[in-house]
Protein backbone atom coordinates (compact mmCIF):
# COMPACT_ATOMS: atom_id res chain seq x y z
CA MET A 1 -12.06 19.11 19.95
CA ARG A 2 -8.73 17.26 20.12
CA LEU A 3 -7.30 18.22 16.74
CA GLY A 4 -4.27 19.87 18.31
CA PRO A 5 -3.10 16.89 20.37
CA LEU A 6 -3.98 14.46 17.56
CA TRP A 7 -1.87 16.40 15.10
CA ILE A 8 1.05 16.54 17.53
CA GLU A 9 0.84 12.83 18.37
CA SER A 10 0.33 11.56 14.81
CA PRO A 11 1.67 14.14 12.33
CA PHE A 12 2.28 11.59 9.54
CA THR A 13 -1.27 10.28 9.66
CA TYR A 14 -3.16 13.55 9.78
CA GLY A 15 -0.70 15.39 7.56
CA HIS A 16 -1.07 12.81 4.78
CA ILE A 17 -4.85 12.61 5.10
CA GLY A 18 -4.95 16.40 4.78
CA LEU A 19 -2.62 16.31 1.77
CA LEU A 20 -4.75 13.73 -0.03
CA VAL A 21 -7.93 15.71 0.64
CA LEU A 22 -6.40 18.98 -0.56
CA VAL A 23 -5.12 17.44 -3.80
CA PHE A 24 -8.49 15.74 -4.37
CA ILE A 25 -10.27 19.09 -4.02
CA ALA A 26 -7.76 20.78 -6.32
CA ALA A 27 -8.20 18.05 -8.95
CA MET A 28 -12.01 18.11 -8.93
CA GLY A 29 -13.18 19.06 -12.41
CA ASN A 30 -9.55 19.17 -13.55
CA PRO A 31 -8.80 16.01 -15.56
CA GLN A 32 -5.64 17.61 -16.93
CA MET A 33 -4.15 17.77 -13.43
CA ILE A 34 -5.04 14.13 -12.79
CA GLY A 35 -3.53 13.16 -16.14
CA GLN A 36 -0.27 14.87 -15.21
CA LEU A 37 0.00 13.01 -11.89
CA LEU A 38 -1.29 9.47 -12.44
CA LEU A 39 0.90 6.48 -13.28
CA ASP A 40 1.09 6.13 -17.08
CA SER A 41 3.15 3.42 -18.79
CA ARG A 42 3.49 5.63 -21.89
CA ARG A 43 5.33 8.27 -19.85
CA GLN A 44 7.75 6.23 -17.79
CA TYR A 45 10.44 8.82 -18.47
CA GLN A 46 8.47 11.09 -16.11
CA ARG A 47 9.76 9.32 -13.02
CA TYR A 48 7.93 11.63 -10.63
CA ARG A 49 4.74 9.71 -11.53
CA LEU A 50 6.01 6.77 -9.48
CA PHE A 51 5.24 9.00 -6.49
CA SER A 52 2.64 11.50 -7.68
CA HIS A 53 0.06 8.85 -8.63
CA ALA A 54 -0.59 8.38 -4.88
CA LEU A 55 -1.91 11.94 -4.60
CA VAL A 56 -4.89 11.55 -6.95
CA HIS A 57 -7.97 9.36 -6.60
CA SER A 58 -10.72 8.20 -8.91
CA GLY A 59 -13.55 9.46 -6.72
CA PRO A 60 -14.76 10.21 -3.17
CA MET A 61 -15.11 6.54 -2.17
CA HIS A 62 -11.59 5.76 -3.34
CA LEU A 63 -10.24 8.65 -1.27
CA LEU A 64 -12.44 7.73 1.70
CA PHE A 65 -11.20 4.14 1.76
CA ASN A 66 -7.53 5.14 1.74
CA GLY A 67 -8.08 8.02 4.16
CA LEU A 68 -9.98 5.88 6.67
CA THR A 69 -7.36 3.14 6.50
CA LEU A 70 -4.64 5.66 7.28
CA TYR A 71 -6.79 7.09 10.07
CA PHE A 72 -7.20 3.70 11.77
CA PHE A 73 -3.68 2.30 11.30
CA GLY A 74 -1.42 5.34 10.96
CA PRO A 75 -1.26 6.40 14.64
CA THR A 76 -0.41 2.85 15.76
CA LEU A 77 2.31 2.64 13.12
CA GLU A 78 3.84 5.94 14.22
CA SER A 79 3.83 4.85 17.86
CA LEU A 80 5.63 1.56 17.10
CA LEU A 81 8.49 3.22 15.24
CA PRO A 82 11.54 4.51 17.16
CA GLN A 83 10.70 7.79 18.87
CA PRO A 84 10.88 10.72 18.36
CA TYR A 85 11.22 9.80 14.69
CA GLY A 86 7.99 7.83 14.28
CA ALA A 87 6.43 10.30 11.85
CA LEU A 88 9.60 10.53 9.77
CA GLY A 89 9.92 6.75 9.61
CA ALA A 90 6.26 6.34 8.64
CA THR A 91 6.66 8.95 5.90
CA LEU A 92 9.71 7.15 4.49
CA LEU A 93 7.87 3.83 4.62
CA PHE A 94 4.76 5.21 2.93
CA TRP A 95 6.52 6.88 0.01
CA THR A 96 8.92 4.03 -0.68
CA ALA A 97 5.89 1.70 -0.70
CA VAL A 98 4.19 4.08 -3.17
CA TRP A 99 7.29 3.87 -5.37
CA GLY A 100 7.33 0.07 -5.06
CA ALA A 101 3.65 -0.12 -5.98
CA GLY A 102 4.22 1.91 -9.12
CA LYS A 103 7.35 0.04 -10.15
CA TYR A 104 5.84 -3.40 -9.56
CA SER A 105 2.70 -2.43 -11.47
CA LEU A 106 4.61 -1.20 -14.52
CA LEU A 107 6.73 -4.36 -14.57
CA PHE A 108 3.80 -6.73 -14.13
CA ARG A 109 1.68 -4.96 -16.75
CA SER A 110 4.55 -4.28 -19.15
CA ASP A 111 2.73 -6.30 -21.84
CA ARG A 112 -0.04 -3.68 -21.95
CA PRO A 113 0.26 -0.87 -24.51
CA THR A 114 -1.31 1.51 -21.97
CA TYR A 115 -1.41 1.07 -18.22
CA LEU A 116 -2.89 3.75 -15.96
CA ALA A 117 -3.16 3.72 -12.17
CA LEU A 118 -3.80 6.19 -9.38
CA GLY A 119 -4.40 6.27 -5.64
CA ALA A 120 -2.50 5.93 -2.37
CA SER A 121 -3.41 2.26 -1.86
CA GLY A 122 0.13 0.99 -2.47
CA GLY A 123 1.56 3.21 0.24
CA VAL A 124 -1.29 2.37 2.62
CA VAL A 125 -0.90 -1.38 2.09
CA GLY A 126 2.86 -1.10 2.60
CA CYS A 127 2.27 0.57 5.97
CA ILE A 128 -0.26 -2.12 6.96
CA TYR A 129 2.09 -5.01 6.14
CA PHE A 130 4.91 -3.36 8.05
CA LEU A 131 2.55 -2.95 11.00
CA LEU A 132 1.33 -6.56 10.77
CA PHE A 133 4.91 -7.83 10.87
CA MET A 134 5.69 -5.69 13.92
CA ALA A 135 2.41 -6.60 15.65
CA PRO A 136 1.07 -9.93 14.29
CA ASP A 137 -1.43 -10.15 17.17
CA LEU A 138 -3.22 -7.08 15.86
CA ARG A 139 -6.80 -8.02 14.98
CA LEU A 140 -8.62 -6.54 11.99
CA SER A 141 -12.36 -6.12 11.56
CA LEU A 142 -13.88 -5.50 8.13
CA LEU A 143 -17.28 -4.03 7.36
CA PHE A 144 -18.52 -7.20 5.68
CA ILE A 145 -16.85 -9.58 8.17
CA PRO A 146 -18.06 -8.91 11.74
CA VAL A 147 -15.43 -11.21 13.32
CA ALA A 148 -11.98 -9.78 14.10
CA ILE A 149 -9.29 -11.54 12.06
CA PRO A 150 -5.73 -12.02 13.34
CA GLY A 151 -3.50 -9.61 11.45
CA TRP A 152 -0.98 -12.18 10.27
CA LEU A 153 -3.80 -14.36 8.89
CA PHE A 154 -5.42 -11.41 7.12
CA GLY A 155 -2.08 -10.40 5.58
CA THR A 156 -1.33 -13.93 4.42
CA GLY A 157 -4.75 -14.40 2.85
CA PHE A 158 -4.87 -10.95 1.30
CA GLY A 159 -1.48 -11.45 -0.33
CA LEU A 160 -2.22 -14.90 -1.74
CA ILE A 161 -5.69 -13.94 -2.99
CA SER A 162 -4.42 -10.70 -4.57
CA THR A 163 -1.62 -12.61 -6.28
CA ALA A 164 -4.13 -15.02 -7.80
CA LEU A 165 -6.44 -12.18 -8.83
CA MET A 166 -3.69 -10.48 -10.81
CA PHE A 167 -4.02 -13.30 -13.36
CA SER A 168 -7.83 -13.06 -13.48
CA LYS A 169 -9.35 -11.23 -16.46
CA LYS A 170 -12.56 -10.58 -14.50
CA ALA A 171 -10.65 -8.92 -11.66
CA GLU A 172 -8.72 -6.84 -14.18
CA LEU A 173 -11.97 -5.56 -15.69
CA ALA A 174 -13.04 -4.46 -12.20
CA ARG A 175 -10.24 -1.85 -12.40
CA VAL A 176 -8.66 -2.84 -9.08
CA SER A 177 -4.87 -2.57 -9.01
CA HIS A 178 -3.99 -5.76 -7.16
CA GLU A 179 -0.46 -5.38 -8.52
CA GLY A 180 -0.22 -1.96 -6.87
CA HIS A 181 -1.34 -3.36 -3.53
CA LEU A 182 1.22 -6.16 -3.74
CA GLY A 183 4.04 -3.84 -4.76
CA GLY A 184 3.38 -1.82 -1.63
CA ALA A 185 3.17 -4.98 0.50
CA VAL A 186 6.56 -6.17 -0.78
CA VAL A 187 8.24 -2.90 0.19
CA GLY A 188 6.51 -2.81 3.57
CA LEU A 189 7.74 -6.29 4.44
CA ILE A 190 11.26 -5.58 3.20
CA TRP A 191 11.40 -2.61 5.55
CA ALA A 192 10.04 -4.76 8.39
CA LEU A 193 12.76 -7.36 7.80
CA ILE A 194 15.41 -4.64 7.82
CA VAL A 195 14.12 -3.07 11.02
CA GLN A 196 13.06 -6.17 12.98
CA SER A 197 14.40 -9.33 11.31
CA ALA A 198 15.05 -10.86 14.77
CA ALA A 199 11.28 -11.24 15.19
CA LEU A 200 11.37 -14.19 12.78
CA SER A 201 13.25 -16.27 15.33
CA TYR A 202 10.55 -15.66 17.95
CA ASP A 203 7.53 -16.15 15.70
CA PRO A 204 8.66 -18.08 12.61
CA LEU A 205 5.32 -19.67 11.69
CA ARG A 206 3.02 -16.66 11.66
CA LEU A 207 5.58 -14.22 10.30
CA GLY A 208 6.75 -16.81 7.77
CA LEU A 209 3.21 -17.16 6.45
CA LEU A 210 2.83 -13.38 6.33
CA ILE A 211 6.04 -13.13 4.29
CA LEU A 212 4.84 -15.95 2.03
CA GLY A 213 1.61 -14.11 1.22
CA GLY A 214 2.89 -10.54 1.01
CA LEU A 215 6.44 -10.94 -0.29
CA VAL A 216 7.32 -14.36 -1.71
CA ALA A 217 4.12 -14.99 -3.70
CA PRO A 218 4.10 -11.54 -5.38
CA LEU A 219 7.78 -11.81 -6.34
CA PHE A 220 7.31 -15.31 -7.78
CA ALA A 221 4.25 -14.05 -9.67
CA LEU A 222 6.29 -11.20 -11.13
CA VAL A 223 9.09 -13.53 -12.25
CA TYR A 224 6.55 -15.91 -13.79
CA LYS A 225 4.77 -13.10 -15.64
CA LEU A 226 7.98 -11.54 -16.98
CA PHE A 227 9.73 -14.69 -18.13
CA PHE A 228 7.16 -17.47 -18.61
CA ASN A 229 3.73 -15.95 -19.30
CA ARG A 230 4.16 -13.08 -21.73
């Protein structure tokens, strides 16, 4: 058992996984609790929902996906941030990305009479994009793609595809919050540019493409939706 050392080395990662699991258990069979925490466009005056929606999930698989992603990427993220404040920096990044995911989603779906969303995906995606900017050589393997994909290429493709899917009625019916993912990505990349903007001069092509997919395309999509496609 290495739970002690793991907790000490990666407190953000294991602390947040534990928090998500505890809230999920508490909310089981309690739809009222979920209703009080999820993102709800009819209750935008309850600003805490911009954060609390990350604590609740639609089911075990939803929680498992976000928890596993944090498990695989969180420790690396904490280690790349300035020490001994890696956990604090990762926490700040995660929760500002959660806020960005909620805010972006409400703006993009402002034409809907009712918009509901829940899950930590926005915060998780924000952390991943920050990590991909800091370490573009990182290679990602997906369950349905056996070949490891360069991180910058994955981030570029994911951002562009998610941006296109936001305008797809079929994808909307699948109940996947692409807008939440992109809101988190935007915040993650903004933080990366604040912390390590000098990296652009050393790797302008790959990081430029990553910014195009995860920052520029979502922001252009938001402007288009708000002003030209209502």
